[in-house]
Amino acid sequence: MTGKGIERRLRALRDPIIADHHLRFFKCGPGQYGEGDALLGIMVPALRKLSREFLPISVDETYALLQSKWHEARILALMILVRKYERGDAPMRDEIYRRYLASTSRINNWDLVDVSAPAIVGAHLLDRDSAPLFTLAKSSSLWERRIAIISTLFFIRHDQFDDTLRIAEILLDDCHDLIHKAAGWMLREVGKRDQPVLERFLRKHARRMPRTMLRYAIERFPAELRAGYMGKG
């Protein structure tokens, strides 16, 4: 069971019609954030099923699969790594985490980040020094910045909000809509667990927040409260 063998299996499942749609959905055209990516047109449920089938693959071969030019091969590799991390012993988890952060150039679209960052980076740093997240949050790489904020979803699920709020504050001046959406999403998740914490953040930053970030953050608020915050923008 090798990365190349799995890639051949994926190519046999190629669906050109779905691939064409996904090329537009994941913004793979010239000048777009996914420019140059190659897609096979395989849906996520099929990839999740394959991630269970291919779980016995070695970590080395999984990271080899992550180097594939095919988007679906990379997301499959990340799904496998998440499963391995969840089931692995401490040395395996350390290796997966370390190599994940060394491979961020291959984790290069929002779905790849979102399927893997909380369960690997967030899980690894939950009871450790979170300084690596702040390095990522200040990166010139769009995807490393998204990894930074999305990883904190694991913290939020454990009722730890400080790192999410601090990273969201760093990202207030970010230029990319994908970061505005990600930060707003994480703030909304904080608010679902502790609305007063989110409202304290909003009282301080709502006027400065990008509109998309603010809109995502307050999506679950009552209509009148949402309108009040949007009026402050």
C-alpha atoms as a PDB file:
ATOM      1  CA  MET A   1       0.000   0.000   0.000  1.00  0.00           C
ATOM      2  CA  THR A   2       1.792   3.109  -1.274  1.00  0.00           C
ATOM      3  CA  GLY A   3       0.938   6.718  -1.988  1.00  0.00           C
ATOM      4  CA  LYS A   4       1.434   6.140  -5.699  1.00  0.00           C
ATOM      5  CA  GLY A   5      -0.822   3.098  -5.624  1.00  0.00           C
ATOM      6  CA  ILE A   6      -3.573   5.049  -3.888  1.00  0.00           C
ATOM      7  CA  GLU A   7      -3.202   7.865  -6.394  1.00  0.00           C
ATOM      8  CA  ARG A   8      -3.711   5.374  -9.235  1.00  0.00           C
ATOM      9  CA  ARG A   9      -6.871   4.147  -7.485  1.00  0.00           C
ATOM     10  CA  LEU A  10      -8.138   7.719  -7.279  1.00  0.00           C
ATOM     11  CA  ARG A  11      -7.435   8.424 -10.943  1.00  0.00           C
ATOM     12  CA  ALA A  12      -9.596   5.443 -11.846  1.00  0.00           C
ATOM     13  CA  LEU A  13     -12.512   7.164 -10.046  1.00  0.00           C
ATOM     14  CA  ARG A  14     -12.177  10.384 -11.996  1.00  0.00           C
ATOM     15  CA  ASP A  15     -15.389  12.187 -12.989  1.00  0.00           C
ATOM     16  CA  PRO A  16     -14.681  14.998 -15.485  1.00  0.00           C
ATOM     17  CA  ILE A  17     -18.068  16.674 -15.008  1.00  0.00           C
ATOM     18  CA  ILE A  18     -17.687  16.947 -11.231  1.00  0.00           C
ATOM     19  CA  ALA A  19     -14.033  17.919 -11.670  1.00  0.00           C
ATOM     20  CA  ASP A  20     -15.011  20.834 -13.896  1.00  0.00           C
ATOM     21  CA  HIS A  21     -17.509  22.047 -11.298  1.00  0.00           C
ATOM     22  CA  HIS A  22     -14.945  21.694  -8.494  1.00  0.00           C
ATOM     23  CA  LEU A  23     -12.359  23.680 -10.425  1.00  0.00           C
ATOM     24  CA  ARG A  24     -14.747  26.623 -10.277  1.00  0.00           C
ATOM     25  CA  PHE A  25     -15.896  25.937  -6.699  1.00  0.00           C
ATOM     26  CA  PHE A  26     -12.354  25.830  -5.343  1.00  0.00           C
ATOM     27  CA  LYS A  27     -11.319  28.902  -7.356  1.00  0.00           C
ATOM     28  CA  CYS A  28      -8.600  27.237  -9.425  1.00  0.00           C
ATOM     29  CA  GLY A  29      -8.608  29.745 -12.285  1.00  0.00           C
ATOM     30  CA  PRO A  30      -5.874  32.271 -13.118  1.00  0.00           C
ATOM     31  CA  GLY A  31      -5.364  34.767 -10.302  1.00  0.00           C
ATOM     32  CA  GLN A  32      -7.656  32.891  -7.903  1.00  0.00           C
ATOM     33  CA  TYR A  33      -6.549  31.462  -4.564  1.00  0.00           C
ATOM     34  CA  GLY A  34      -6.511  27.864  -5.864  1.00  0.00           C
ATOM     35  CA  GLU A  35      -4.813  28.711  -9.147  1.00  0.00           C
ATOM     36  CA  GLY A  36      -3.267  25.731 -10.897  1.00  0.00           C
ATOM     37  CA  ASP A  37      -4.767  23.003  -8.721  1.00  0.00           C
ATOM     38  CA  ALA A  38      -5.812  19.755 -10.415  1.00  0.00           C
ATOM     39  CA  LEU A  39      -9.036  17.967  -9.507  1.00  0.00           C
ATOM     40  CA  LEU A  40     -10.347  14.513 -10.253  1.00  0.00           C
ATOM     41  CA  GLY A  41     -13.992  15.089  -9.337  1.00  0.00           C
ATOM     42  CA  ILE A  42     -14.369  12.695  -6.385  1.00  0.00           C
ATOM     43  CA  MET A  43     -16.888  13.610  -3.701  1.00  0.00           C
ATOM     44  CA  VAL A  44     -16.012  13.864  -0.003  1.00  0.00           C
ATOM     45  CA  PRO A  45     -18.123  10.880   1.190  1.00  0.00           C
ATOM     46  CA  ALA A  46     -16.208   8.585  -1.173  1.00  0.00           C
ATOM     47  CA  LEU A  47     -12.911   9.997   0.081  1.00  0.00           C
ATOM     48  CA  ARG A  48     -13.920   9.455   3.707  1.00  0.00           C
ATOM     49  CA  LYS A  49     -14.730   5.838   2.904  1.00  0.00           C
ATOM     50  CA  LEU A  50     -11.338   5.422   1.253  1.00  0.00           C
ATOM     51  CA  SER A  51      -9.616   6.977   4.271  1.00  0.00           C
ATOM     52  CA  ARG A  52     -10.899   4.081   6.352  1.00  0.00           C
ATOM     53  CA  GLU A  53      -9.809   1.523   3.765  1.00  0.00           C
ATOM     54  CA  PHE A  54      -6.325   2.981   3.471  1.00  0.00           C
ATOM     55  CA  LEU A  55      -5.714   3.614   7.166  1.00  0.00           C
ATOM     56  CA  PRO A  56      -2.994   0.915   7.339  1.00  0.00           C
ATOM     57  CA  ILE A  57      -0.757   2.951   4.996  1.00  0.00           C
ATOM     58  CA  SER A  58       2.431   4.157   6.696  1.00  0.00           C
ATOM     59  CA  VAL A  59       2.905   7.741   7.792  1.00  0.00           C
ATOM     60  CA  ASP A  60       5.731   8.088   5.275  1.00  0.00           C
ATOM     61  CA  GLU A  61       3.524   6.945   2.399  1.00  0.00           C
ATOM     62  CA  THR A  62       0.673   9.158   3.595  1.00  0.00           C
ATOM     63  CA  TYR A  63       2.935  12.193   3.445  1.00  0.00           C
ATOM     64  CA  ALA A  64       4.085  11.034   0.007  1.00  0.00           C
ATOM     65  CA  LEU A  65       0.418  11.053  -1.048  1.00  0.00           C
ATOM     66  CA  LEU A  66       0.131  14.599   0.315  1.00  0.00           C
ATOM     67  CA  GLN A  67       2.668  15.675  -2.322  1.00  0.00           C
ATOM     68  CA  SER A  68       0.286  14.693  -5.146  1.00  0.00           C
ATOM     69  CA  LYS A  69      -0.786  17.275  -7.687  1.00  0.00           C
ATOM     70  CA  TRP A  70      -4.363  16.012  -7.278  1.00  0.00           C
ATOM     71  CA  HIS A  71      -6.502  17.894  -4.793  1.00  0.00           C
ATOM     72  CA  GLU A  72      -8.435  14.771  -3.819  1.00  0.00           C
ATOM     73  CA  ALA A  73      -5.233  12.843  -3.125  1.00  0.00           C
ATOM     74  CA  ARG A  74      -4.107  15.566  -0.750  1.00  0.00           C
ATOM     75  CA  ILE A  75      -7.412  15.715   1.109  1.00  0.00           C
ATOM     76  CA  LEU A  76      -7.458  11.913   1.339  1.00  0.00           C
ATOM     77  CA  ALA A  77      -3.942  11.998   2.788  1.00  0.00           C
ATOM     78  CA  LEU A  78      -5.083  14.516   5.390  1.00  0.00           C
ATOM     79  CA  MET A  79      -8.149  12.445   6.276  1.00  0.00           C
ATOM     80  CA  ILE A  80      -5.862   9.451   6.822  1.00  0.00           C
ATOM     81  CA  LEU A  81      -3.487  11.534   8.954  1.00  0.00           C
ATOM     82  CA  VAL A  82      -6.364  12.699  11.130  1.00  0.00           C
ATOM     83  CA  ARG A  83      -7.411   9.093  11.703  1.00  0.00           C
ATOM     84  CA  LYS A  84      -3.825   8.076  12.439  1.00  0.00           C
ATOM     85  CA  TYR A  85      -3.369  10.978  14.836  1.00  0.00           C
ATOM     86  CA  GLU A  86      -6.534  10.107  16.745  1.00  0.00           C
ATOM     87  CA  ARG A  87      -5.455   6.478  17.084  1.00  0.00           C
ATOM     88  CA  GLY A  88      -1.705   6.941  17.412  1.00  0.00           C
ATOM     89  CA  ASP A  89       0.631   6.822  20.376  1.00  0.00           C
ATOM     90  CA  ALA A  90       2.592   9.874  21.512  1.00  0.00           C
ATOM     91  CA  PRO A  91       5.576   9.391  19.138  1.00  0.00           C
ATOM     92  CA  MET A  92       3.289   8.960  16.134  1.00  0.00           C
ATOM     93  CA  ARG A  93       1.279  12.043  17.085  1.00  0.00           C
ATOM     94  CA  ASP A  94       4.462  14.078  17.470  1.00  0.00           C
ATOM     95  CA  GLU A  95       5.646  12.951  14.047  1.00  0.00           C
ATOM     96  CA  ILE A  96       2.327  13.672  12.331  1.00  0.00           C
ATOM     97  CA  TYR A  97       2.132  17.143  13.898  1.00  0.00           C
ATOM     98  CA  ARG A  98       5.743  18.016  13.070  1.00  0.00           C
ATOM     99  CA  ARG A  99       5.478  16.872   9.468  1.00  0.00           C
ATOM    100  CA  TYR A 100       2.105  18.562   9.049  1.00  0.00           C
ATOM    101  CA  LEU A 101       3.623  21.954   9.869  1.00  0.00           C
ATOM    102  CA  ALA A 102       6.483  21.183   7.485  1.00  0.00           C
ATOM    103  CA  SER A 103       3.966  20.454   4.706  1.00  0.00           C
ATOM    104  CA  THR A 104       1.750  23.541   4.762  1.00  0.00           C
ATOM    105  CA  SER A 105       2.550  24.306   1.115  1.00  0.00           C
ATOM    106  CA  ARG A 106       0.556  21.155   0.252  1.00  0.00           C
ATOM    107  CA  ILE A 107      -2.367  22.089   2.524  1.00  0.00           C
ATOM    108  CA  ASN A 108      -3.335  24.766   0.079  1.00  0.00           C
ATOM    109  CA  ASN A 109      -7.065  25.238  -0.031  1.00  0.00           C
ATOM    110  CA  TRP A 110      -9.700  25.947   2.588  1.00  0.00           C
ATOM    111  CA  ASP A 111     -11.180  22.443   2.615  1.00  0.00           C
ATOM    112  CA  LEU A 112      -7.748  20.884   3.148  1.00  0.00           C
ATOM    113  CA  VAL A 113      -7.146  23.161   6.128  1.00  0.00           C
ATOM    114  CA  ASP A 114     -10.589  22.723   7.623  1.00  0.00           C
ATOM    115  CA  VAL A 115     -10.604  18.916   7.470  1.00  0.00           C
ATOM    116  CA  SER A 116      -7.272  18.584   9.245  1.00  0.00           C
ATOM    117  CA  ALA A 117      -6.054  21.586  11.256  1.00  0.00           C
ATOM    118  CA  PRO A 118      -8.310  21.248  14.333  1.00  0.00           C
ATOM    119  CA  ALA A 119      -7.797  17.490  14.675  1.00  0.00           C
ATOM    120  CA  ILE A 120      -4.008  17.613  14.250  1.00  0.00           C
ATOM    121  CA  VAL A 121      -2.641  21.055  15.122  1.00  0.00           C
ATOM    122  CA  GLY A 122      -5.389  22.032  17.552  1.00  0.00           C
ATOM    123  CA  ALA A 123      -5.398  18.648  19.253  1.00  0.00           C
ATOM    124  CA  HIS A 124      -1.623  18.624  19.576  1.00  0.00           C
ATOM    125  CA  LEU A 125      -1.403  22.088  21.103  1.00  0.00           C
ATOM    126  CA  LEU A 126      -4.411  21.890  23.424  1.00  0.00           C
ATOM    127  CA  ASP A 127      -2.304  21.315  26.538  1.00  0.00           C
ATOM    128  CA  ARG A 128       0.942  22.712  25.123  1.00  0.00           C
ATOM    129  CA  ASP A 129       2.415  26.102  24.332  1.00  0.00           C
ATOM    130  CA  SER A 130       0.248  27.624  21.575  1.00  0.00           C
ATOM    131  CA  ALA A 131       3.049  29.898  20.308  1.00  0.00           C
ATOM    132  CA  PRO A 132       3.241  28.058  16.934  1.00  0.00           C
ATOM    133  CA  LEU A 133      -0.292  29.265  16.161  1.00  0.00           C
ATOM    134  CA  PHE A 134       0.757  32.889  16.567  1.00  0.00           C
ATOM    135  CA  THR A 135       3.695  32.353  14.218  1.00  0.00           C
ATOM    136  CA  LEU A 136       1.286  30.900  11.671  1.00  0.00           C
ATOM    137  CA  ALA A 137      -1.186  33.769  12.208  1.00  0.00           C
ATOM    138  CA  LYS A 138       1.499  36.256  11.160  1.00  0.00           C
ATOM    139  CA  SER A 139       2.633  34.254   8.137  1.00  0.00           C
ATOM    140  CA  SER A 140       2.587  35.633   4.606  1.00  0.00           C
ATOM    141  CA  SER A 141       0.870  32.370   3.583  1.00  0.00           C
ATOM    142  CA  LEU A 142      -2.918  32.593   3.382  1.00  0.00           C
ATOM    143  CA  TRP A 143      -3.186  28.902   4.255  1.00  0.00           C
ATOM    144  CA  GLU A 144      -0.901  29.112   7.288  1.00  0.00           C
ATOM    145  CA  ARG A 145      -2.992  31.993   8.613  1.00  0.00           C
ATOM    146  CA  ARG A 146      -6.136  29.927   8.093  1.00  0.00           C
ATOM    147  CA  ILE A 147      -4.511  26.952   9.846  1.00  0.00           C
ATOM    148  CA  ALA A 148      -3.788  29.233  12.821  1.00  0.00           C
ATOM    149  CA  ILE A 149      -7.379  30.316  13.400  1.00  0.00           C
ATOM    150  CA  ILE A 150      -9.139  27.092  12.341  1.00  0.00           C
ATOM    151  CA  SER A 151      -6.910  24.994  14.624  1.00  0.00           C
ATOM    152  CA  THR A 152      -8.434  26.788  17.597  1.00  0.00           C
ATOM    153  CA  LEU A 153     -11.767  25.073  16.911  1.00  0.00           C
ATOM    154  CA  PHE A 154     -10.360  22.191  18.958  1.00  0.00           C
ATOM    155  CA  PHE A 155      -9.691  24.611  21.835  1.00  0.00           C
ATOM    156  CA  ILE A 156     -13.204  26.049  21.577  1.00  0.00           C
ATOM    157  CA  ARG A 157     -14.691  22.570  21.853  1.00  0.00           C
ATOM    158  CA  HIS A 158     -12.836  22.311  25.164  1.00  0.00           C
ATOM    159  CA  ASP A 159     -14.154  25.714  26.309  1.00  0.00           C
ATOM    160  CA  GLN A 160     -10.795  27.424  25.857  1.00  0.00           C
ATOM    161  CA  PHE A 161     -11.349  30.708  24.016  1.00  0.00           C
ATOM    162  CA  ASP A 162      -8.351  32.954  24.707  1.00  0.00           C
ATOM    163  CA  ASP A 163      -6.205  31.835  21.771  1.00  0.00           C
ATOM    164  CA  THR A 164      -9.110  32.143  19.340  1.00  0.00           C
ATOM    165  CA  LEU A 165      -9.762  35.702  20.472  1.00  0.00           C
ATOM    166  CA  ARG A 166      -6.093  36.695  20.371  1.00  0.00           C
ATOM    167  CA  ILE A 167      -5.585  35.260  16.885  1.00  0.00           C
ATOM    168  CA  ALA A 168      -8.824  36.819  15.630  1.00  0.00           C
ATOM    169  CA  GLU A 169      -7.497  40.150  16.873  1.00  0.00           C
ATOM    170  CA  ILE A 170      -4.260  39.630  14.923  1.00  0.00           C
ATOM    171  CA  LEU A 171      -6.322  38.875  11.803  1.00  0.00           C
ATOM    172  CA  LEU A 172      -8.561  41.950  12.011  1.00  0.00           C
ATOM    173  CA  ASP A 173      -6.453  43.685   9.376  1.00  0.00           C
ATOM    174  CA  ASP A 174      -6.033  40.661   7.127  1.00  0.00           C
ATOM    175  CA  CYS A 175      -6.629  41.386   3.470  1.00  0.00           C
ATOM    176  CA  HIS A 176      -8.231  38.078   2.432  1.00  0.00           C
ATOM    177  CA  ASP A 177     -11.914  37.208   2.538  1.00  0.00           C
ATOM    178  CA  LEU A 178     -11.134  33.565   3.357  1.00  0.00           C
ATOM    179  CA  ILE A 179      -9.479  34.706   6.571  1.00  0.00           C
ATOM    180  CA  HIS A 180     -12.389  37.020   7.403  1.00  0.00           C
ATOM    181  CA  LYS A 181     -14.771  34.057   6.994  1.00  0.00           C
ATOM    182  CA  ALA A 182     -12.579  31.718   9.040  1.00  0.00           C
ATOM    183  CA  ALA A 183     -12.107  34.165  11.912  1.00  0.00           C
ATOM    184  CA  GLY A 184     -15.792  35.052  11.932  1.00  0.00           C
ATOM    185  CA  TRP A 185     -16.698  31.378  11.979  1.00  0.00           C
ATOM    186  CA  MET A 186     -14.444  30.710  14.973  1.00  0.00           C
ATOM    187  CA  LEU A 187     -15.824  33.728  16.802  1.00  0.00           C
ATOM    188  CA  ARG A 188     -19.341  32.428  16.164  1.00  0.00           C
ATOM    189  CA  GLU A 189     -18.306  29.084  17.654  1.00  0.00           C
ATOM    190  CA  VAL A 190     -17.055  30.910  20.748  1.00  0.00           C
ATOM    191  CA  GLY A 191     -20.390  32.734  20.974  1.00  0.00           C
ATOM    192  CA  LYS A 192     -22.346  29.484  20.735  1.00  0.00           C
ATOM    193  CA  ARG A 193     -20.609  28.343  23.928  1.00  0.00           C
ATOM    194  CA  ASP A 194     -20.320  31.683  25.728  1.00  0.00           C
ATOM    195  CA  GLN A 195     -22.103  34.638  24.132  1.00  0.00           C
ATOM    196  CA  PRO A 196     -20.914  37.184  26.737  1.00  0.00           C
ATOM    197  CA  VAL A 197     -17.294  36.377  25.816  1.00  0.00           C
ATOM    198  CA  LEU A 198     -18.044  37.044  22.153  1.00  0.00           C
ATOM    199  CA  GLU A 199     -19.937  40.227  22.954  1.00  0.00           C
ATOM    200  CA  ARG A 200     -16.995  41.584  24.968  1.00  0.00           C
ATOM    201  CA  PHE A 201     -14.800  40.994  21.933  1.00  0.00           C
ATOM    202  CA  LEU A 202     -17.340  42.680  19.663  1.00  0.00           C
ATOM    203  CA  ARG A 203     -17.702  45.731  21.892  1.00  0.00           C
ATOM    204  CA  LYS A 204     -13.984  46.277  21.515  1.00  0.00           C
ATOM    205  CA  HIS A 205     -13.543  45.399  17.841  1.00  0.00           C
ATOM    206  CA  ALA A 206     -16.854  45.483  15.921  1.00  0.00           C
ATOM    207  CA  ARG A 207     -16.218  48.869  14.320  1.00  0.00           C
ATOM    208  CA  ARG A 208     -12.830  47.701  13.049  1.00  0.00           C
ATOM    209  CA  MET A 209     -13.785  44.198  11.943  1.00  0.00           C
ATOM    210  CA  PRO A 210     -14.108  43.412   8.241  1.00  0.00           C
ATOM    211  CA  ARG A 211     -17.807  43.190   7.424  1.00  0.00           C
ATOM    212  CA  THR A 212     -17.606  39.532   6.449  1.00  0.00           C
ATOM    213  CA  MET A 213     -15.891  38.606   9.711  1.00  0.00           C
ATOM    214  CA  LEU A 214     -18.482  40.514  11.712  1.00  0.00           C
ATOM    215  CA  ARG A 215     -21.395  39.029   9.771  1.00  0.00           C
ATOM    216  CA  TYR A 216     -20.148  35.487  10.341  1.00  0.00           C
ATOM    217  CA  ALA A 217     -19.473  36.148  14.028  1.00  0.00           C
ATOM    218  CA  ILE A 218     -22.994  37.371  14.791  1.00  0.00           C
ATOM    219  CA  GLU A 219     -24.899  35.020  12.495  1.00  0.00           C
ATOM    220  CA  ARG A 220     -26.678  33.284  15.382  1.00  0.00           C
ATOM    221  CA  PHE A 221     -27.630  36.472  17.231  1.00  0.00           C
ATOM    222  CA  PRO A 222     -31.267  37.641  17.259  1.00  0.00           C
ATOM    223  CA  ALA A 223     -32.112  39.832  14.260  1.00  0.00           C
ATOM    224  CA  GLU A 224     -32.304  43.063  16.260  1.00  0.00           C
ATOM    225  CA  LEU A 225     -28.933  42.466  17.890  1.00  0.00           C
ATOM    226  CA  ARG A 226     -27.357  41.581  14.525  1.00  0.00           C
ATOM    227  CA  ALA A 227     -28.713  44.775  13.003  1.00  0.00           C
ATOM    228  CA  GLY A 228     -27.255  46.809  15.843  1.00  0.00           C
ATOM    229  CA  TYR A 229     -23.788  45.382  15.342  1.00  0.00           C
ATOM    230  CA  MET A 230     -23.877  45.696  11.558  1.00  0.00           C
ATOM    231  CA  GLY A 231     -24.887  49.319  11.970  1.00  0.00           C
ATOM    232  CA  LYS A 232     -21.654  49.961  13.829  1.00  0.00           C
ATOM    233  CA  GLY A 233     -19.515  48.936  10.889  1.00  0.00           C
END
